[in-house]
Amino acid sequence: MTEQEFSQLVSAHKSTIYTVCYMFSKDEDEVNDLFQEVLINLWRGIDSFKGESKLNSWIYRISLNTCISAERKKKRQPQTERLDMSINLYEDNDTDSRQIQMLYKRVHQLRPFDRALVLLWLEGLPYDEIGAITGITAKNVSVRLVRIREELKHMK
């Protein structure tokens, strides 16, 4: 694959990759780092793509595996906190915005694999495609999503 073809592939699937990266980080710099790491992994693996699944499913799988691996590496490293000096005085505080923020906060508390399932479900993918991306059966996707929804309901 040429660089131009790869660039076109990335342009066509940029929103998918960013969506996955945003689900695994709140920090803009970290999201950009994850995006770059996904691009590296896509470039390395594009020649091995056999077309046995949809290209979009393959890109989801590479993106999710990259983000899950980064999450595991991050947990093994000592945690440091960065101070955030920016204050948004014009932040949305309506009911819908607060509910979305609460859902986002709760989803971030889930285990990485469960977070990946929720992301794919929120993207509107059918269970069989979610199963193909994550490597589990459609029935297992269904069962896990029911359990995840219950877990999200009981989070504080």
C-alpha atoms as a PDB file:
ATOM      1  CA  MET A   1       0.000   0.000   0.000  1.00  0.00           C
ATOM      2  CA  THR A   2       1.342   3.422  -0.891  1.00  0.00           C
ATOM      3  CA  GLU A   3       1.488   6.336   1.522  1.00  0.00           C
ATOM      4  CA  GLN A   4      -1.203   8.114  -0.474  1.00  0.00           C
ATOM      5  CA  GLU A   5      -3.543   5.113  -0.248  1.00  0.00           C
ATOM      6  CA  PHE A   6      -2.864   4.855   3.476  1.00  0.00           C
ATOM      7  CA  SER A   7      -3.563   8.569   3.887  1.00  0.00           C
ATOM      8  CA  GLN A   8      -6.908   8.113   2.136  1.00  0.00           C
ATOM      9  CA  LEU A   9      -7.708   5.148   4.370  1.00  0.00           C
ATOM     10  CA  VAL A  10      -6.944   7.206   7.475  1.00  0.00           C
ATOM     11  CA  SER A  11      -9.027  10.135   6.206  1.00  0.00           C
ATOM     12  CA  ALA A  12     -11.987   7.845   5.580  1.00  0.00           C
ATOM     13  CA  HIS A  13     -11.797   6.236   9.051  1.00  0.00           C
ATOM     14  CA  LYS A  14     -10.450   9.125  11.134  1.00  0.00           C
ATOM     15  CA  SER A  15     -13.657   9.589  13.135  1.00  0.00           C
ATOM     16  CA  THR A  16     -13.796   5.889  14.035  1.00  0.00           C
ATOM     17  CA  ILE A  17     -10.226   5.945  15.328  1.00  0.00           C
ATOM     18  CA  TYR A  18     -10.737   9.182  17.275  1.00  0.00           C
ATOM     19  CA  THR A  19     -13.962   7.864  18.801  1.00  0.00           C
ATOM     20  CA  VAL A  20     -12.146   4.829  20.174  1.00  0.00           C
ATOM     21  CA  CYS A  21      -9.239   6.954  21.447  1.00  0.00           C
ATOM     22  CA  TYR A  22     -11.598   9.404  23.184  1.00  0.00           C
ATOM     23  CA  MET A  23     -13.314   6.532  24.956  1.00  0.00           C
ATOM     24  CA  PHE A  24      -9.993   5.571  26.550  1.00  0.00           C
ATOM     25  CA  SER A  25      -8.725   8.993  27.605  1.00  0.00           C
ATOM     26  CA  LYS A  26      -9.960  12.367  28.769  1.00  0.00           C
ATOM     27  CA  ASP A  27      -6.669  14.116  28.044  1.00  0.00           C
ATOM     28  CA  GLU A  28      -6.338  15.669  24.575  1.00  0.00           C
ATOM     29  CA  ASP A  29      -2.592  15.024  24.381  1.00  0.00           C
ATOM     30  CA  GLU A  30      -3.073  11.391  25.354  1.00  0.00           C
ATOM     31  CA  VAL A  31      -5.851  11.003  22.770  1.00  0.00           C
ATOM     32  CA  ASN A  32      -3.483  12.335  20.104  1.00  0.00           C
ATOM     33  CA  ASP A  33      -0.763   9.931  21.280  1.00  0.00           C
ATOM     34  CA  LEU A  34      -3.213   7.019  21.120  1.00  0.00           C
ATOM     35  CA  PHE A  35      -4.307   8.115  17.638  1.00  0.00           C
ATOM     36  CA  GLN A  36      -0.701   8.116  16.450  1.00  0.00           C
ATOM     37  CA  GLU A  37      -0.083   4.707  17.999  1.00  0.00           C
ATOM     38  CA  VAL A  38      -3.154   3.337  16.218  1.00  0.00           C
ATOM     39  CA  LEU A  39      -1.868   4.752  12.913  1.00  0.00           C
ATOM     40  CA  ILE A  40       1.494   3.048  13.460  1.00  0.00           C
ATOM     41  CA  ASN A  41      -0.231  -0.267  14.157  1.00  0.00           C
ATOM     42  CA  LEU A  42      -2.497   0.133  11.122  1.00  0.00           C
ATOM     43  CA  TRP A  43       0.507   0.875   8.911  1.00  0.00           C
ATOM     44  CA  ARG A  44       2.380  -2.160  10.254  1.00  0.00           C
ATOM     45  CA  GLY A  45      -0.589  -4.475   9.833  1.00  0.00           C
ATOM     46  CA  ILE A  46      -2.229  -3.269   6.625  1.00  0.00           C
ATOM     47  CA  ASP A  47      -0.336  -5.749   4.457  1.00  0.00           C
ATOM     48  CA  SER A  48      -1.569  -8.632   6.622  1.00  0.00           C
ATOM     49  CA  PHE A  49      -5.243  -7.581   6.251  1.00  0.00           C
ATOM     50  CA  LYS A  50      -6.790 -10.470   4.325  1.00  0.00           C
ATOM     51  CA  GLY A  51     -10.266  -9.060   3.822  1.00  0.00           C
ATOM     52  CA  GLU A  52     -11.904 -11.807   5.897  1.00  0.00           C
ATOM     53  CA  SER A  53     -13.794  -9.104   7.782  1.00  0.00           C
ATOM     54  CA  LYS A  54     -14.933  -5.616   6.867  1.00  0.00           C
ATOM     55  CA  LEU A  55     -12.153  -3.040   6.741  1.00  0.00           C
ATOM     56  CA  ASN A  56     -14.041  -0.935   9.301  1.00  0.00           C
ATOM     57  CA  SER A  57     -14.203  -3.910  11.695  1.00  0.00           C
ATOM     58  CA  TRP A  58     -10.473  -4.499  11.293  1.00  0.00           C
ATOM     59  CA  ILE A  59      -9.761  -0.820  12.018  1.00  0.00           C
ATOM     60  CA  TYR A  60     -11.982  -0.972  15.136  1.00  0.00           C
ATOM     61  CA  ARG A  61     -10.109  -4.071  16.297  1.00  0.00           C
ATOM     62  CA  ILE A  62      -6.660  -2.486  15.798  1.00  0.00           C
ATOM     63  CA  SER A  63      -7.840   0.727  17.500  1.00  0.00           C
ATOM     64  CA  LEU A  64      -9.373  -1.067  20.477  1.00  0.00           C
ATOM     65  CA  ASN A  65      -6.419  -3.401  20.961  1.00  0.00           C
ATOM     66  CA  THR A  66      -4.004  -0.455  20.803  1.00  0.00           C
ATOM     67  CA  CYS A  67      -5.989   1.533  23.371  1.00  0.00           C
ATOM     68  CA  ILE A  68      -6.491  -1.445  25.685  1.00  0.00           C
ATOM     69  CA  SER A  69      -2.750  -2.203  25.566  1.00  0.00           C
ATOM     70  CA  ALA A  70      -1.932   1.428  26.329  1.00  0.00           C
ATOM     71  CA  GLU A  71      -4.374   1.338  29.258  1.00  0.00           C
ATOM     72  CA  ARG A  72      -2.638  -1.738  30.676  1.00  0.00           C
ATOM     73  CA  LYS A  73       0.799  -0.134  30.296  1.00  0.00           C
ATOM     74  CA  LYS A  74      -0.454   3.011  31.992  1.00  0.00           C
ATOM     75  CA  LYS A  75      -1.736   1.034  34.979  1.00  0.00           C
ATOM     76  CA  ARG A  76       1.687  -0.573  35.439  1.00  0.00           C
ATOM     77  CA  GLN A  77       3.418   2.819  35.581  1.00  0.00           C
ATOM     78  CA  PRO A  78       3.368   5.004  38.687  1.00  0.00           C
ATOM     79  CA  GLN A  79       0.543   7.516  38.561  1.00  0.00           C
ATOM     80  CA  THR A  80       1.290  11.220  38.421  1.00  0.00           C
ATOM     81  CA  GLU A  81      -1.328  13.954  38.306  1.00  0.00           C
ATOM     82  CA  ARG A  82      -1.103  16.978  36.146  1.00  0.00           C
ATOM     83  CA  LEU A  83      -2.596  20.187  37.419  1.00  0.00           C
ATOM     84  CA  ASP A  84      -5.240  21.693  35.204  1.00  0.00           C
ATOM     85  CA  MET A  85      -5.046  25.470  35.348  1.00  0.00           C
ATOM     86  CA  SER A  86      -7.782  26.142  32.817  1.00  0.00           C
ATOM     87  CA  ILE A  87     -11.269  26.979  33.974  1.00  0.00           C
ATOM     88  CA  ASN A  88     -14.179  27.026  31.555  1.00  0.00           C
ATOM     89  CA  LEU A  89     -16.582  29.688  32.794  1.00  0.00           C
ATOM     90  CA  TYR A  90     -18.982  28.975  29.934  1.00  0.00           C
ATOM     91  CA  GLU A  91     -19.368  25.257  30.519  1.00  0.00           C
ATOM     92  CA  ASP A  92     -22.762  23.746  29.729  1.00  0.00           C
ATOM     93  CA  ASN A  93     -24.665  23.047  32.901  1.00  0.00           C
ATOM     94  CA  ASP A  94     -28.031  22.057  31.487  1.00  0.00           C
ATOM     95  CA  THR A  95     -29.576  18.710  32.413  1.00  0.00           C
ATOM     96  CA  ASP A  96     -28.625  16.944  29.160  1.00  0.00           C
ATOM     97  CA  SER A  97     -24.973  18.010  29.440  1.00  0.00           C
ATOM     98  CA  ARG A  98     -24.789  16.857  33.060  1.00  0.00           C
ATOM     99  CA  GLN A  99     -26.290  13.461  32.164  1.00  0.00           C
ATOM    100  CA  ILE A 100     -23.846  12.988  29.291  1.00  0.00           C
ATOM    101  CA  GLN A 101     -20.943  13.943  31.563  1.00  0.00           C
ATOM    102  CA  MET A 102     -22.182  11.501  34.222  1.00  0.00           C
ATOM    103  CA  LEU A 103     -22.459   8.685  31.647  1.00  0.00           C
ATOM    104  CA  TYR A 104     -18.989   9.494  30.295  1.00  0.00           C
ATOM    105  CA  LYS A 105     -17.563   9.449  33.839  1.00  0.00           C
ATOM    106  CA  ARG A 106     -19.203   6.109  34.604  1.00  0.00           C
ATOM    107  CA  VAL A 107     -18.070   4.522  31.332  1.00  0.00           C
ATOM    108  CA  HIS A 108     -14.500   5.557  32.148  1.00  0.00           C
ATOM    109  CA  GLN A 109     -14.743   3.577  35.400  1.00  0.00           C
ATOM    110  CA  LEU A 110     -15.408   0.343  33.484  1.00  0.00           C
ATOM    111  CA  ARG A 111     -12.702  -2.178  32.672  1.00  0.00           C
ATOM    112  CA  PRO A 112     -11.087  -1.534  29.261  1.00  0.00           C
ATOM    113  CA  PHE A 113     -12.782  -4.464  27.498  1.00  0.00           C
ATOM    114  CA  ASP A 114     -16.205  -3.484  28.853  1.00  0.00           C
ATOM    115  CA  ARG A 115     -15.541   0.108  27.814  1.00  0.00           C
ATOM    116  CA  ALA A 116     -14.790  -1.148  24.306  1.00  0.00           C
ATOM    117  CA  LEU A 117     -18.085  -3.068  24.187  1.00  0.00           C
ATOM    118  CA  VAL A 118     -20.039   0.012  25.295  1.00  0.00           C
ATOM    119  CA  LEU A 119     -18.293   2.146  22.692  1.00  0.00           C
ATOM    120  CA  LEU A 120     -19.161  -0.252  19.877  1.00  0.00           C
ATOM    121  CA  TRP A 121     -22.748  -0.548  21.137  1.00  0.00           C
ATOM    122  CA  LEU A 122     -23.094   3.244  21.309  1.00  0.00           C
ATOM    123  CA  GLU A 123     -21.793   3.389  17.730  1.00  0.00           C
ATOM    124  CA  GLY A 124     -24.838   1.314  16.774  1.00  0.00           C
ATOM    125  CA  LEU A 125     -22.973  -1.765  15.586  1.00  0.00           C
ATOM    126  CA  PRO A 126     -24.899  -5.054  15.566  1.00  0.00           C
ATOM    127  CA  TYR A 127     -23.932  -7.663  18.138  1.00  0.00           C
ATOM    128  CA  ASP A 128     -22.432 -10.017  15.569  1.00  0.00           C
ATOM    129  CA  GLU A 129     -20.109  -7.278  14.293  1.00  0.00           C
ATOM    130  CA  ILE A 130     -19.175  -6.286  17.858  1.00  0.00           C
ATOM    131  CA  GLY A 131     -18.380  -9.966  18.459  1.00  0.00           C
ATOM    132  CA  ALA A 132     -16.239 -10.113  15.330  1.00  0.00           C
ATOM    133  CA  ILE A 133     -14.301  -7.033  16.408  1.00  0.00           C
ATOM    134  CA  THR A 134     -13.765  -8.137  20.003  1.00  0.00           C
ATOM    135  CA  GLY A 135     -13.348 -11.862  19.388  1.00  0.00           C
ATOM    136  CA  ILE A 136     -16.378 -13.079  21.369  1.00  0.00           C
ATOM    137  CA  THR A 137     -19.730 -14.489  20.269  1.00  0.00           C
ATOM    138  CA  ALA A 138     -22.768 -12.290  19.599  1.00  0.00           C
ATOM    139  CA  LYS A 139     -24.573 -14.043  22.493  1.00  0.00           C
ATOM    140  CA  ASN A 140     -21.656 -13.242  24.806  1.00  0.00           C
ATOM    141  CA  VAL A 141     -21.819  -9.598  23.644  1.00  0.00           C
ATOM    142  CA  SER A 142     -25.499  -9.518  24.559  1.00  0.00           C
ATOM    143  CA  VAL A 143     -24.942 -11.025  28.011  1.00  0.00           C
ATOM    144  CA  ARG A 144     -21.972  -8.775  28.785  1.00  0.00           C
ATOM    145  CA  LEU A 145     -23.857  -5.625  27.724  1.00  0.00           C
ATOM    146  CA  VAL A 146     -26.759  -6.495  30.033  1.00  0.00           C
ATOM    147  CA  ARG A 147     -24.297  -6.905  32.914  1.00  0.00           C
ATOM    148  CA  ILE A 148     -22.470  -3.691  31.994  1.00  0.00           C
ATOM    149  CA  ARG A 149     -25.752  -1.723  31.916  1.00  0.00           C
ATOM    150  CA  GLU A 150     -26.560  -3.019  35.399  1.00  0.00           C
ATOM    151  CA  GLU A 151     -23.079  -2.075  36.580  1.00  0.00           C
ATOM    152  CA  LEU A 152     -23.483   1.448  35.144  1.00  0.00           C
ATOM    153  CA  LYS A 153     -26.869   1.859  36.890  1.00  0.00           C
ATOM    154  CA  HIS A 154     -25.334   1.085  40.281  1.00  0.00           C
ATOM    155  CA  MET A 155     -22.255   3.299  39.954  1.00  0.00           C
ATOM    156  CA  LYS A 156     -21.979   6.528  41.865  1.00  0.00           C
END
